[in-house]
Amino acid sequence: MKEEKIADEIFLTGYAKLPTHITASKMYEVIAVGMLVKAETGEILEVECTLSTALANRFVSKMLVGKSIQNIVAIEEVINASYFGSAKKAIKTAIQNCKKKYEGIYSEDTDE
């Protein structure tokens, strides 16, 4: 099997359906969360999402930067404690999808 080197930093995306009654759903049907992650450690370096306001986008970024995509429990705890917008469930689902992609990269590396 050919070994492929994974870059030091990787970009992950996750998507989830937004509630139909919120402003962001008028712009997008789904929320997209994109994150730049240190490949080796899973540390989240940068985050953007498709919420309708710049403040919400910055707040989601602030909640996640410095956390590890490998520790979804800690990420969900900070979201539950500080984010009270209507897109909470969709944000958590999109982040869980990013984590699945991260895990998929490394499970492919270990397959023989």
PDB file of N, CA and C in Angstrom:
ATOM      1  N   MET A   1       0.838  -1.186   0.000  1.00  0.00           N
ATOM      2  CA  MET A   1       0.000   0.000   0.000  1.00  0.00           C
ATOM      3  C   MET A   1       0.879   1.245   0.000  1.00  0.00           C
ATOM      4  N   LYS A   2       0.564   2.193  -0.835  1.00  0.00           N
ATOM      5  CA  LYS A   2       1.324   3.426  -0.945  1.00  0.00           C
ATOM      6  C   LYS A   2       1.021   4.330   0.248  1.00  0.00           C
ATOM      7  N   GLU A   3       2.080   4.771   0.928  1.00  0.00           N
ATOM      8  CA  GLU A   3       1.922   5.692   2.058  1.00  0.00           C
ATOM      9  C   GLU A   3       1.800   7.114   1.524  1.00  0.00           C
ATOM     10  N   GLU A   4       0.760   7.829   1.897  1.00  0.00           N
ATOM     11  CA  GLU A   4       0.612   9.229   1.538  1.00  0.00           C
ATOM     12  C   GLU A   4       0.801  10.056   2.794  1.00  0.00           C
ATOM     13  N   LYS A   5       1.608  11.095   2.662  1.00  0.00           N
ATOM     14  CA  LYS A   5       1.834  11.981   3.796  1.00  0.00           C
ATOM     15  C   LYS A   5       0.644  12.933   3.926  1.00  0.00           C
ATOM     16  N   ILE A   6       0.176  13.095   5.137  1.00  0.00           N
ATOM     17  CA  ILE A   6      -0.877  14.071   5.423  1.00  0.00           C
ATOM     18  C   ILE A   6      -0.185  15.370   5.819  1.00  0.00           C
ATOM     19  N   ALA A   7      -0.674  16.478   5.297  1.00  0.00           N
ATOM     20  CA  ALA A   7      -0.101  17.794   5.599  1.00  0.00           C
ATOM     21  C   ALA A   7      -0.162  18.076   7.092  1.00  0.00           C
ATOM     22  N   ASP A   8       0.639  19.029   7.528  1.00  0.00           N
ATOM     23  CA  ASP A   8       0.650  19.414   8.948  1.00  0.00           C
ATOM     24  C   ASP A   8      -0.679  20.005   9.380  1.00  0.00           C
ATOM     25  N   GLU A   9      -1.326  20.736   8.471  1.00  0.00           N
ATOM     26  CA  GLU A   9      -2.642  21.317   8.744  1.00  0.00           C
ATOM     27  C   GLU A   9      -3.610  20.820   7.692  1.00  0.00           C
ATOM     28  N   ILE A  10      -4.812  20.462   8.132  1.00  0.00           N
ATOM     29  CA  ILE A  10      -5.827  19.962   7.206  1.00  0.00           C
ATOM     30  C   ILE A  10      -7.111  20.771   7.363  1.00  0.00           C
ATOM     31  N   PHE A  11      -7.896  20.811   6.291  1.00  0.00           N
ATOM     32  CA  PHE A  11      -9.162  21.532   6.292  1.00  0.00           C
ATOM     33  C   PHE A  11     -10.290  20.515   6.295  1.00  0.00           C
ATOM     34  N   LEU A  12     -11.205  20.658   7.232  1.00  0.00           N
ATOM     35  CA  LEU A  12     -12.359  19.769   7.364  1.00  0.00           C
ATOM     36  C   LEU A  12     -13.642  20.573   7.219  1.00  0.00           C
ATOM     37  N   THR A  13     -14.674  19.948   6.679  1.00  0.00           N
ATOM     38  CA  THR A  13     -15.987  20.580   6.625  1.00  0.00           C
ATOM     39  C   THR A  13     -17.032  19.613   7.143  1.00  0.00           C
ATOM     40  N   GLY A  14     -18.052  20.184   7.737  1.00  0.00           N
ATOM     41  CA  GLY A  14     -19.200  19.417   8.190  1.00  0.00           C
ATOM     42  C   GLY A  14     -20.458  20.209   7.892  1.00  0.00           C
ATOM     43  N   TYR A  15     -21.525  19.512   7.612  1.00  0.00           N
ATOM     44  CA  TYR A  15     -22.791  20.138   7.239  1.00  0.00           C
ATOM     45  C   TYR A  15     -23.915  19.558   8.089  1.00  0.00           C
ATOM     46  N   ALA A  16     -24.959  20.355   8.276  1.00  0.00           N
ATOM     47  CA  ALA A  16     -26.157  19.896   8.981  1.00  0.00           C
ATOM     48  C   ALA A  16     -27.328  20.774   8.575  1.00  0.00           C
ATOM     49  N   LYS A  17     -28.515  20.210   8.595  1.00  0.00           N
ATOM     50  CA  LYS A  17     -29.725  20.946   8.245  1.00  0.00           C
ATOM     51  C   LYS A  17     -30.049  21.966   9.337  1.00  0.00           C
ATOM     52  N   LEU A  18     -30.388  23.170   8.907  1.00  0.00           N
ATOM     53  CA  LEU A  18     -30.763  24.237   9.843  1.00  0.00           C
ATOM     54  C   LEU A  18     -32.258  24.178  10.156  1.00  0.00           C
ATOM     55  N   PRO A  19     -32.658  24.651  11.332  1.00  0.00           N
ATOM     56  CA  PRO A  19     -34.096  24.785  11.612  1.00  0.00           C
ATOM     57  C   PRO A  19     -34.712  25.759  10.598  1.00  0.00           C
ATOM     58  N   THR A  20     -35.915  25.494  10.155  1.00  0.00           N
ATOM     59  CA  THR A  20     -36.521  26.305   9.101  1.00  0.00           C
ATOM     60  C   THR A  20     -36.957  27.685   9.553  1.00  0.00           C
ATOM     61  N   HIS A  21     -37.099  27.927  10.838  1.00  0.00           N
ATOM     62  CA  HIS A  21     -37.614  29.200  11.332  1.00  0.00           C
ATOM     63  C   HIS A  21     -36.544  30.240  11.653  1.00  0.00           C
ATOM     64  N   ILE A  22     -35.274  29.972  11.365  1.00  0.00           N
ATOM     65  CA  ILE A  22     -34.238  30.950  11.707  1.00  0.00           C
ATOM     66  C   ILE A  22     -33.743  31.681  10.460  1.00  0.00           C
ATOM     67  N   THR A  23     -33.157  32.851  10.666  1.00  0.00           N
ATOM     68  CA  THR A  23     -32.711  33.701   9.563  1.00  0.00           C
ATOM     69  C   THR A  23     -31.728  32.991   8.655  1.00  0.00           C
ATOM     70  N   ALA A  24     -30.787  32.263   9.220  1.00  0.00           N
ATOM     71  CA  ALA A  24     -29.776  31.597   8.393  1.00  0.00           C
ATOM     72  C   ALA A  24     -30.407  30.612   7.417  1.00  0.00           C
ATOM     73  N   SER A  25     -31.536  30.028   7.780  1.00  0.00           N
ATOM     74  CA  SER A  25     -32.177  29.059   6.880  1.00  0.00           C
ATOM     75  C   SER A  25     -32.799  29.738   5.663  1.00  0.00           C
ATOM     76  N   LYS A  26     -33.026  31.050   5.753  1.00  0.00           N
ATOM     77  CA  LYS A  26     -33.521  31.798   4.592  1.00  0.00           C
ATOM     78  C   LYS A  26     -32.400  31.996   3.576  1.00  0.00           C
ATOM     79  N   MET A  27     -31.160  31.963   4.064  1.00  0.00           N
ATOM     80  CA  MET A  27     -29.994  32.128   3.201  1.00  0.00           C
ATOM     81  C   MET A  27     -29.435  30.779   2.739  1.00  0.00           C
ATOM     82  N   TYR A  28     -29.462  29.800   3.631  1.00  0.00           N
ATOM     83  CA  TYR A  28     -28.885  28.481   3.373  1.00  0.00           C
ATOM     84  C   TYR A  28     -29.837  27.419   3.921  1.00  0.00           C
ATOM     85  N   GLU A  29     -29.884  26.274   3.286  1.00  0.00           N
ATOM     86  CA  GLU A  29     -30.675  25.168   3.834  1.00  0.00           C
ATOM     87  C   GLU A  29     -29.909  24.415   4.908  1.00  0.00           C
ATOM     88  N   VAL A  30     -28.585  24.457   4.789  1.00  0.00           N
ATOM     89  CA  VAL A  30     -27.735  23.758   5.751  1.00  0.00           C
ATOM     90  C   VAL A  30     -26.707  24.727   6.308  1.00  0.00           C
ATOM     91  N   ILE A  31     -26.184  24.384   7.464  1.00  0.00           N
ATOM     92  CA  ILE A  31     -25.043  25.112   7.986  1.00  0.00           C
ATOM     93  C   ILE A  31     -23.794  24.369   7.542  1.00  0.00           C
ATOM     94  N   ALA A  32     -22.814  25.122   7.154  1.00  0.00           N
ATOM     95  CA  ALA A  32     -21.502  24.562   6.844  1.00  0.00           C
ATOM     96  C   ALA A  32     -20.536  25.067   7.905  1.00  0.00           C
ATOM     97  N   VAL A  33     -19.758  24.156   8.455  1.00  0.00           N
ATOM     98  CA  VAL A  33     -18.686  24.519   9.373  1.00  0.00           C
ATOM     99  C   VAL A  33     -17.395  24.058   8.720  1.00  0.00           C
ATOM    100  N   GLY A  34     -16.483  25.001   8.528  1.00  0.00           N
ATOM    101  CA  GLY A  34     -15.166  24.676   7.987  1.00  0.00           C
ATOM    102  C   GLY A  34     -14.127  24.964   9.042  1.00  0.00           C
ATOM    103  N   MET A  35     -13.164  24.056   9.173  1.00  0.00           N
ATOM    104  CA  MET A  35     -12.131  24.276  10.184  1.00  0.00           C
ATOM    105  C   MET A  35     -10.765  23.838   9.707  1.00  0.00           C
ATOM    106  N   LEU A  36      -9.776  24.616  10.099  1.00  0.00           N
ATOM    107  CA  LEU A  36      -8.382  24.289   9.879  1.00  0.00           C
ATOM    108  C   LEU A  36      -7.884  23.624  11.154  1.00  0.00           C
ATOM    109  N   VAL A  37      -7.288  22.437  11.002  1.00  0.00           N
ATOM    110  CA  VAL A  37      -6.936  21.608  12.153  1.00  0.00           C
ATOM    111  C   VAL A  37      -5.483  21.148  12.022  1.00  0.00           C
ATOM    112  N   LYS A  38      -4.758  21.125  13.132  1.00  0.00           N
ATOM    113  CA  LYS A  38      -3.428  20.509  13.142  1.00  0.00           C
ATOM    114  C   LYS A  38      -3.638  19.010  12.964  1.00  0.00           C
ATOM    115  N   ALA A  39      -3.062  18.456  11.928  1.00  0.00           N
ATOM    116  CA  ALA A  39      -3.320  17.059  11.592  1.00  0.00           C
ATOM    117  C   ALA A  39      -2.917  16.105  12.710  1.00  0.00           C
ATOM    118  N   GLU A  40      -1.752  16.315  13.282  1.00  0.00           N
ATOM    119  CA  GLU A  40      -1.223  15.373  14.261  1.00  0.00           C
ATOM    120  C   GLU A  40      -1.979  15.380  15.580  1.00  0.00           C
ATOM    121  N   THR A  41      -2.392  16.573  16.024  1.00  0.00           N
ATOM    122  CA  THR A  41      -2.987  16.689  17.358  1.00  0.00           C
ATOM    123  C   THR A  41      -4.501  16.860  17.354  1.00  0.00           C
ATOM    124  N   GLY A  42      -5.056  17.308  16.223  1.00  0.00           N
ATOM    125  CA  GLY A  42      -6.488  17.586  16.168  1.00  0.00           C
ATOM    126  C   GLY A  42      -6.860  18.955  16.706  1.00  0.00           C
ATOM    127  N   GLU A  43      -5.848  19.779  17.065  1.00  0.00           N
ATOM    128  CA  GLU A  43      -6.142  21.116  17.579  1.00  0.00           C
ATOM    129  C   GLU A  43      -6.794  21.966  16.492  1.00  0.00           C
ATOM    130  N   ILE A  44      -7.905  22.601  16.847  1.00  0.00           N
ATOM    131  CA  ILE A  44      -8.626  23.467  15.913  1.00  0.00           C
ATOM    132  C   ILE A  44      -7.944  24.830  15.905  1.00  0.00           C
ATOM    133  N   LEU A  45      -7.506  25.256  14.704  1.00  0.00           N
ATOM    134  CA  LEU A  45      -6.763  26.506  14.552  1.00  0.00           C
ATOM    135  C   LEU A  45      -7.649  27.664  14.104  1.00  0.00           C
ATOM    136  N   GLU A  46      -8.565  27.401  13.195  1.00  0.00           N
ATOM    137  CA  GLU A  46      -9.469  28.422  12.674  1.00  0.00           C
ATOM    138  C   GLU A  46     -10.802  27.772  12.348  1.00  0.00           C
ATOM    139  N   VAL A  47     -11.876  28.565  12.447  1.00  0.00           N
ATOM    140  CA  VAL A  47     -13.219  28.061  12.147  1.00  0.00           C
ATOM    141  C   VAL A  47     -14.029  29.149  11.470  1.00  0.00           C
ATOM    142  N   GLU A  48     -14.817  28.753  10.492  1.00  0.00           N
ATOM    143  CA  GLU A  48     -15.841  29.627   9.919  1.00  0.00           C
ATOM    144  C   GLU A  48     -17.095  28.798   9.736  1.00  0.00           C
ATOM    145  N   CYS A  49     -18.231  29.484   9.789  1.00  0.00           N
ATOM    146  CA  CYS A  49     -19.494  28.800   9.549  1.00  0.00           C
ATOM    147  C   CYS A  49     -20.443  29.727   8.802  1.00  0.00           C
ATOM    148  N   THR A  50     -21.515  29.166   8.305  1.00  0.00           N
ATOM    149  CA  THR A  50     -22.450  29.929   7.481  1.00  0.00           C
ATOM    150  C   THR A  50     -23.672  30.380   8.258  1.00  0.00           C
ATOM    151  N   LEU A  51     -23.455  30.910   9.454  1.00  0.00           N
ATOM    152  CA  LEU A  51     -24.554  31.540  10.170  1.00  0.00           C
ATOM    153  C   LEU A  51     -24.789  32.917   9.568  1.00  0.00           C
ATOM    154  N   SER A  52     -25.929  33.511   9.840  1.00  0.00           N
ATOM    155  CA  SER A  52     -26.332  34.720   9.124  1.00  0.00           C
ATOM    156  C   SER A  52     -25.642  35.997   9.598  1.00  0.00           C
ATOM    157  N   THR A  53     -25.031  36.000  10.772  1.00  0.00           N
ATOM    158  CA  THR A  53     -24.374  37.217  11.237  1.00  0.00           C
ATOM    159  C   THR A  53     -22.882  36.969  11.477  1.00  0.00           C
ATOM    160  N   ALA A  54     -22.107  38.023  11.295  1.00  0.00           N
ATOM    161  CA  ALA A  54     -20.669  37.937  11.546  1.00  0.00           C
ATOM    162  C   ALA A  54     -20.399  37.645  13.023  1.00  0.00           C
ATOM    163  N   LEU A  55     -21.224  38.205  13.911  1.00  0.00           N
ATOM    164  CA  LEU A  55     -21.053  37.965  15.340  1.00  0.00           C
ATOM    165  C   LEU A  55     -21.205  36.477  15.663  1.00  0.00           C
ATOM    166  N   ALA A  56     -22.232  35.846  15.115  1.00  0.00           N
ATOM    167  CA  ALA A  56     -22.440  34.418  15.371  1.00  0.00           C
ATOM    168  C   ALA A  56     -21.268  33.602  14.832  1.00  0.00           C
ATOM    169  N   ASN A  57     -20.795  33.943  13.665  1.00  0.00           N
ATOM    170  CA  ASN A  57     -19.659  33.245  13.073  1.00  0.00           C
ATOM    171  C   ASN A  57     -18.418  33.397  13.958  1.00  0.00           C
ATOM    172  N   ARG A  58     -18.145  34.617  14.418  1.00  0.00           N
ATOM    173  CA  ARG A  58     -16.998  34.855  15.310  1.00  0.00           C
ATOM    174  C   ARG A  58     -17.160  34.104  16.623  1.00  0.00           C
ATOM    175  N   PHE A  59     -18.382  34.059  17.148  1.00  0.00           N
ATOM    176  CA  PHE A  59     -18.610  33.391  18.429  1.00  0.00           C
ATOM    177  C   PHE A  59     -18.378  31.893  18.316  1.00  0.00           C
ATOM    178  N   VAL A  60     -18.858  31.288  17.244  1.00  0.00           N
ATOM    179  CA  VAL A  60     -18.612  29.854  17.033  1.00  0.00           C
ATOM    180  C   VAL A  60     -17.114  29.610  16.934  1.00  0.00           C
ATOM    181  N   SER A  61     -16.418  30.460  16.202  1.00  0.00           N
ATOM    182  CA  SER A  61     -14.969  30.325  16.082  1.00  0.00           C
ATOM    183  C   SER A  61     -14.297  30.418  17.455  1.00  0.00           C
ATOM    184  N   LYS A  62     -14.696  31.413  18.222  1.00  0.00           N
ATOM    185  CA  LYS A  62     -14.112  31.612  19.558  1.00  0.00           C
ATOM    186  C   LYS A  62     -14.339  30.395  20.458  1.00  0.00           C
ATOM    187  N   MET A  63     -15.509  29.766  20.342  1.00  0.00           N
ATOM    188  CA  MET A  63     -15.803  28.581  21.161  1.00  0.00           C
ATOM    189  C   MET A  63     -14.896  27.405  20.802  1.00  0.00           C
ATOM    190  N   LEU A  64     -14.509  27.296  19.523  1.00  0.00           N
ATOM    191  CA  LEU A  64     -13.839  26.093  19.040  1.00  0.00           C
ATOM    192  C   LEU A  64     -12.325  26.187  18.922  1.00  0.00           C
ATOM    193  N   VAL A  65     -11.808  27.372  18.600  1.00  0.00           N
ATOM    194  CA  VAL A  65     -10.364  27.506  18.410  1.00  0.00           C
ATOM    195  C   VAL A  65      -9.627  27.142  19.699  1.00  0.00           C
ATOM    196  N   GLY A  66      -8.619  26.294  19.545  1.00  0.00           N
ATOM    197  CA  GLY A  66      -7.841  25.824  20.692  1.00  0.00           C
ATOM    198  C   GLY A  66      -8.319  24.496  21.244  1.00  0.00           C
ATOM    199  N   LYS A  67      -9.558  24.111  20.904  1.00  0.00           N
ATOM    200  CA  LYS A  67     -10.082  22.806  21.326  1.00  0.00           C
ATOM    201  C   LYS A  67      -9.539  21.724  20.390  1.00  0.00           C
ATOM    202  N   SER A  68      -9.704  20.481  20.757  1.00  0.00           N
ATOM    203  CA  SER A  68      -9.307  19.364  19.911  1.00  0.00           C
ATOM    204  C   SER A  68     -10.537  18.744  19.263  1.00  0.00           C
ATOM    205  N   ILE A  69     -10.493  18.547  17.965  1.00  0.00           N
ATOM    206  CA  ILE A  69     -11.596  17.900  17.262  1.00  0.00           C
ATOM    207  C   ILE A  69     -11.778  16.466  17.764  1.00  0.00           C
ATOM    208  N   GLN A  70     -10.758  15.938  18.393  1.00  0.00           N
ATOM    209  CA  GLN A  70     -10.843  14.578  18.937  1.00  0.00           C
ATOM    210  C   GLN A  70     -11.670  14.529  20.226  1.00  0.00           C
ATOM    211  N   ASN A  71     -11.852  15.671  20.883  1.00  0.00           N
ATOM    212  CA  ASN A  71     -12.579  15.701  22.155  1.00  0.00           C
ATOM    213  C   ASN A  71     -13.941  16.362  21.956  1.00  0.00           C
ATOM    214  N   ILE A  72     -14.844  15.638  21.319  1.00  0.00           N
ATOM    215  CA  ILE A  72     -16.170  16.167  21.005  1.00  0.00           C
ATOM    216  C   ILE A  72     -16.961  16.471  22.275  1.00  0.00           C
ATOM    217  N   VAL A  73     -16.694  15.757  23.351  1.00  0.00           N
ATOM    218  CA  VAL A  73     -17.403  16.003  24.615  1.00  0.00           C
ATOM    219  C   VAL A  73     -17.094  17.410  25.126  1.00  0.00           C
ATOM    220  N   ALA A  74     -15.818  17.797  25.122  1.00  0.00           N
ATOM    221  CA  ALA A  74     -15.443  19.138  25.591  1.00  0.00           C
ATOM    222  C   ALA A  74     -16.024  20.214  24.684  1.00  0.00           C
ATOM    223  N   ILE A  75     -16.055  19.947  23.390  1.00  0.00           N
ATOM    224  CA  ILE A  75     -16.632  20.907  22.438  1.00  0.00           C
ATOM    225  C   ILE A  75     -18.124  21.077  22.708  1.00  0.00           C
ATOM    226  N   GLU A  76     -18.836  19.987  22.878  1.00  0.00           N
ATOM    227  CA  GLU A  76     -20.273  20.075  23.131  1.00  0.00           C
ATOM    228  C   GLU A  76     -20.562  20.728  24.477  1.00  0.00           C
ATOM    229  N   GLU A  77     -19.710  20.513  25.465  1.00  0.00           N
ATOM    230  CA  GLU A  77     -19.905  21.157  26.767  1.00  0.00           C
ATOM    231  C   GLU A  77     -19.820  22.675  26.646  1.00  0.00           C
ATOM    232  N   VAL A  78     -18.835  23.177  25.896  1.00  0.00           N
ATOM    233  CA  VAL A  78     -18.700  24.628  25.747  1.00  0.00           C
ATOM    234  C   VAL A  78     -19.860  25.190  24.922  1.00  0.00           C
ATOM    235  N   ILE A  79     -20.322  24.467  23.937  1.00  0.00           N
ATOM    236  CA  ILE A  79     -21.475  24.921  23.158  1.00  0.00           C
ATOM    237  C   ILE A  79     -22.718  24.961  24.048  1.00  0.00           C
ATOM    238  N   ASN A  80     -22.942  23.907  24.802  1.00  0.00           N
ATOM    239  CA  ASN A  80     -24.121  23.856  25.683  1.00  0.00           C
ATOM    240  C   ASN A  80     -24.107  24.954  26.742  1.00  0.00           C
ATOM    241  N   ALA A  81     -22.915  25.312  27.204  1.00  0.00           N
ATOM    242  CA  ALA A  81     -22.793  26.319  28.267  1.00  0.00           C
ATOM    243  C   ALA A  81     -22.879  27.750  27.746  1.00  0.00           C
ATOM    244  N   SER A  82     -22.595  27.963  26.453  1.00  0.00           N
ATOM    245  CA  SER A  82     -22.477  29.348  26.008  1.00  0.00           C
ATOM    246  C   SER A  82     -23.263  29.727  24.760  1.00  0.00           C
ATOM    247  N   TYR A  83     -23.736  28.771  23.987  1.00  0.00           N
ATOM    248  CA  TYR A  83     -24.447  29.111  22.751  1.00  0.00           C
ATOM    249  C   TYR A  83     -25.942  28.826  22.930  1.00  0.00           C
ATOM    250  N   PHE A  84     -26.750  29.864  22.833  1.00  0.00           N
ATOM    251  CA  PHE A  84     -28.187  29.712  23.018  1.00  0.00           C
ATOM    252  C   PHE A  84     -28.971  30.156  21.794  1.00  0.00           C
ATOM    253  N   GLY A  85     -28.326  30.084  20.633  1.00  0.00           N
ATOM    254  CA  GLY A  85     -29.003  30.382  19.385  1.00  0.00           C
ATOM    255  C   GLY A  85     -29.785  29.171  18.895  1.00  0.00           C
ATOM    256  N   SER A  86     -30.679  29.399  17.953  1.00  0.00           N
ATOM    257  CA  SER A  86     -31.542  28.338  17.441  1.00  0.00           C
ATOM    258  C   SER A  86     -30.797  27.293  16.617  1.00  0.00           C
ATOM    259  N   ALA A  87     -29.595  27.601  16.185  1.00  0.00           N
ATOM    260  CA  ALA A  87     -28.834  26.673  15.344  1.00  0.00           C
ATOM    261  C   ALA A  87     -27.941  25.736  16.163  1.00  0.00           C
ATOM    262  N   LYS A  88     -28.115  25.703  17.484  1.00  0.00           N
ATOM    263  CA  LYS A  88     -27.233  24.916  18.357  1.00  0.00           C
ATOM    264  C   LYS A  88     -27.117  23.459  17.903  1.00  0.00           C
ATOM    265  N   LYS A  89     -28.218  22.804  17.692  1.00  0.00           N
ATOM    266  CA  LYS A  89     -28.185  21.387  17.316  1.00  0.00           C
ATOM    267  C   LYS A  89     -27.482  21.203  15.965  1.00  0.00           C
ATOM    268  N   ALA A  90     -27.764  22.084  15.022  1.00  0.00           N
ATOM    269  CA  ALA A  90     -27.139  21.988  13.705  1.00  0.00           C
ATOM    270  C   ALA A  90     -25.626  22.215  13.794  1.00  0.00           C
ATOM    271  N   ILE A  91     -25.204  23.157  14.609  1.00  0.00           N
ATOM    272  CA  ILE A  91     -23.777  23.404  14.795  1.00  0.00           C
ATOM    273  C   ILE A  91     -23.094  22.163  15.360  1.00  0.00           C
ATOM    274  N   LYS A  92     -23.692  21.578  16.393  1.00  0.00           N
ATOM    275  CA  LYS A  92     -23.098  20.384  16.996  1.00  0.00           C
ATOM    276  C   LYS A  92     -23.030  19.228  15.989  1.00  0.00           C
ATOM    277  N   THR A  93     -24.062  19.067  15.192  1.00  0.00           N
ATOM    278  CA  THR A  93     -24.067  18.000  14.189  1.00  0.00           C
ATOM    279  C   THR A  93     -22.985  18.236  13.133  1.00  0.00           C
ATOM    280  N   ALA A  94     -22.849  19.472  12.669  1.00  0.00           N
ATOM    281  CA  ALA A  94     -21.821  19.790  11.671  1.00  0.00           C
ATOM    282  C   ALA A  94     -20.420  19.523  12.233  1.00  0.00           C
ATOM    283  N   ILE A  95     -20.197  19.864  13.495  1.00  0.00           N
ATOM    284  CA  ILE A  95     -18.890  19.614  14.120  1.00  0.00           C
ATOM    285  C   ILE A  95     -18.649  18.116  14.275  1.00  0.00           C
ATOM    286  N   GLN A  96     -19.686  17.374  14.646  1.00  0.00           N
ATOM    287  CA  GLN A  96     -19.549  15.913  14.735  1.00  0.00           C
ATOM    288  C   GLN A  96     -19.165  15.332  13.377  1.00  0.00           C
ATOM    289  N   ASN A  97     -19.702  15.904  12.301  1.00  0.00           N
ATOM    290  CA  ASN A  97     -19.347  15.440  10.960  1.00  0.00           C
ATOM    291  C   ASN A  97     -17.891  15.767  10.628  1.00  0.00           C
ATOM    292  N   CYS A  98     -17.390  16.909  11.100  1.00  0.00           N
ATOM    293  CA  CYS A  98     -15.971  17.221  10.938  1.00  0.00           C
ATOM    294  C   CYS A  98     -15.114  16.186  11.663  1.00  0.00           C
ATOM    295  N   LYS A  99     -15.534  15.830  12.875  1.00  0.00           N
ATOM    296  CA  LYS A  99     -14.789  14.825  13.651  1.00  0.00           C
ATOM    297  C   LYS A  99     -14.766  13.489  12.925  1.00  0.00           C
ATOM    298  N   LYS A 100     -15.885  13.089  12.341  1.00  0.00           N
ATOM    299  CA  LYS A 100     -15.939  11.826  11.590  1.00  0.00           C
ATOM    300  C   LYS A 100     -14.972  11.852  10.416  1.00  0.00           C
ATOM    301  N   LYS A 101     -14.894  12.990   9.726  1.00  0.00           N
ATOM    302  CA  LYS A 101     -13.940  13.105   8.619  1.00  0.00           C
ATOM    303  C   LYS A 101     -12.509  13.003   9.131  1.00  0.00           C
ATOM    304  N   TYR A 102     -12.227  13.663  10.247  1.00  0.00           N
ATOM    305  CA  TYR A 102     -10.886  13.599  10.833  1.00  0.00           C
ATOM    306  C   TYR A 102     -10.526  12.151  11.163  1.00  0.00           C
ATOM    307  N   GLU A 103     -11.438  11.456  11.822  1.00  0.00           N
ATOM    308  CA  GLU A 103     -11.191  10.057  12.170  1.00  0.00           C
ATOM    309  C   GLU A 103     -11.029   9.203  10.917  1.00  0.00           C
ATOM    310  N   GLY A 104     -11.798   9.512   9.875  1.00  0.00           N
ATOM    311  CA  GLY A 104     -11.717   8.756   8.627  1.00  0.00           C
ATOM    312  C   GLY A 104     -10.365   8.880   7.956  1.00  0.00           C
ATOM    313  N   ILE A 105      -9.733  10.029   8.078  1.00  0.00           N
ATOM    314  CA  ILE A 105      -8.404  10.221   7.494  1.00  0.00           C
ATOM    315  C   ILE A 105      -7.421   9.250   8.118  1.00  0.00           C
ATOM    316  N   TYR A 106      -7.474   9.123   9.426  1.00  0.00           N
ATOM    317  CA  TYR A 106      -6.522   8.282  10.120  1.00  0.00           C
ATOM    318  C   TYR A 106      -6.885   6.801  10.077  1.00  0.00           C
ATOM    319  N   SER A 107      -8.157   6.485   9.961  1.00  0.00           N
ATOM    320  CA  SER A 107      -8.512   5.066   9.840  1.00  0.00           C
ATOM    321  C   SER A 107      -8.080   4.546   8.473  1.00  0.00           C
ATOM    322  N   GLU A 108      -8.114   5.401   7.443  1.00  0.00           N
ATOM    323  CA  GLU A 108      -7.623   5.004   6.126  1.00  0.00           C
ATOM    324  C   GLU A 108      -6.130   4.773   6.148  1.00  0.00           C
ATOM    325  N   ASP A 109      -5.400   5.568   6.949  1.00  0.00           N
ATOM    326  CA  ASP A 109      -3.947   5.408   7.060  1.00  0.00           C
ATOM    327  C   ASP A 109      -3.572   4.085   7.696  1.00  0.00           C
ATOM    328  N   THR A 110      -4.385   3.581   8.610  1.00  0.00           N
ATOM    329  CA  THR A 110      -4.036   2.382   9.350  1.00  0.00           C
ATOM    330  C   THR A 110      -4.532   1.109   8.682  1.00  0.00           C
ATOM    331  N   ASP A 111      -5.397   1.244   7.672  1.00  0.00           N
ATOM    332  CA  ASP A 111      -5.872   0.046   6.982  1.00  0.00           C
ATOM    333  C   ASP A 111      -4.739  -0.570   6.187  1.00  0.00           C
ATOM    334  N   GLU A 112      -4.650  -1.860   6.225  1.00  0.00           N
ATOM    335  CA  GLU A 112      -3.615  -2.590   5.474  1.00  0.00           C
ATOM    336  C   GLU A 112      -4.215  -3.215   4.253  1.00  0.00           C
TER     337      GLU A 112
END
